[in-house]
Amino acid sequence: MKESELCSAAVYRLRSEGWRVHCEVNVLQRPADAVGRRGDDLIVVESKRSFSGSLKDQLLTAWSVADYVIAAVGTYPREENLEWCRKFGVGLWVMDGGVFTEWLTPNRLVEHYGWSRMKTIQMFDMMESRGADNVGGVPTQLGIGPAIECSTRCEEFIKTHPGCSWKNVFAFVPNHYASAASMASAMRRHGMMDVMIRAQKENGI
């Protein structure tokens, strides 16, 4: 089963449990497969065909913003991976006969990391307001993803606010970046400096 199919099954289960869910929501500048909100709680699910080192890294990153973190895998994990999940309080769903079976219930994380969590929630709310329904667990492709969507919003803001600084753009444009500097660095690769210079020239700035 493909990762995208595993993610779709995980999203279905989350929604059946009352979570509002979006895929490819950024967690520390890396898109998570599925992020859900239910009341004030935030849950992150990362899906993989099998348990791996990269999956562990993603799950630990998810703890920076989430109340609950779940690994959704397509094959039975080894005992050492079960122990790893128990150690870090990670929930575990295993695909069995086309549906996920819960092997481990996730622990609730008490301590939250304010700025990172706020940025993830901001992006989640933005996607929800736009009715986004992305598919998670797919490889990143050129022209697809949060940075492309962010560049479109940046271009709109810059054209209507010629002479603005990157601190202004960072403050007023919904984004998933940790700072104005990181946002500016990423947006330069999408041609935003040319857009900024052109807007200034057109408005005599």
Foldseek 3Di string as FASTA:
>chain_A
DAQLLLLVLVVVVCVVVPWDKAFQQDQQNGTFGMWTDDPNFIEGEHEDQADDPVVVVVQVSVQQAGQAYEYEYADDYDPVVVVVCVVVQHWYWYDDPNHTDTPGHGHTDDDYNPLSNVLSVLRVVVCVVVVHHDGGRDDDDPCDHQLNVQLVQLLVVLLVPAPDDLQVSVVPGRHNHSHSVVNVVSNVVVVVVVSNVVSCVVVVD
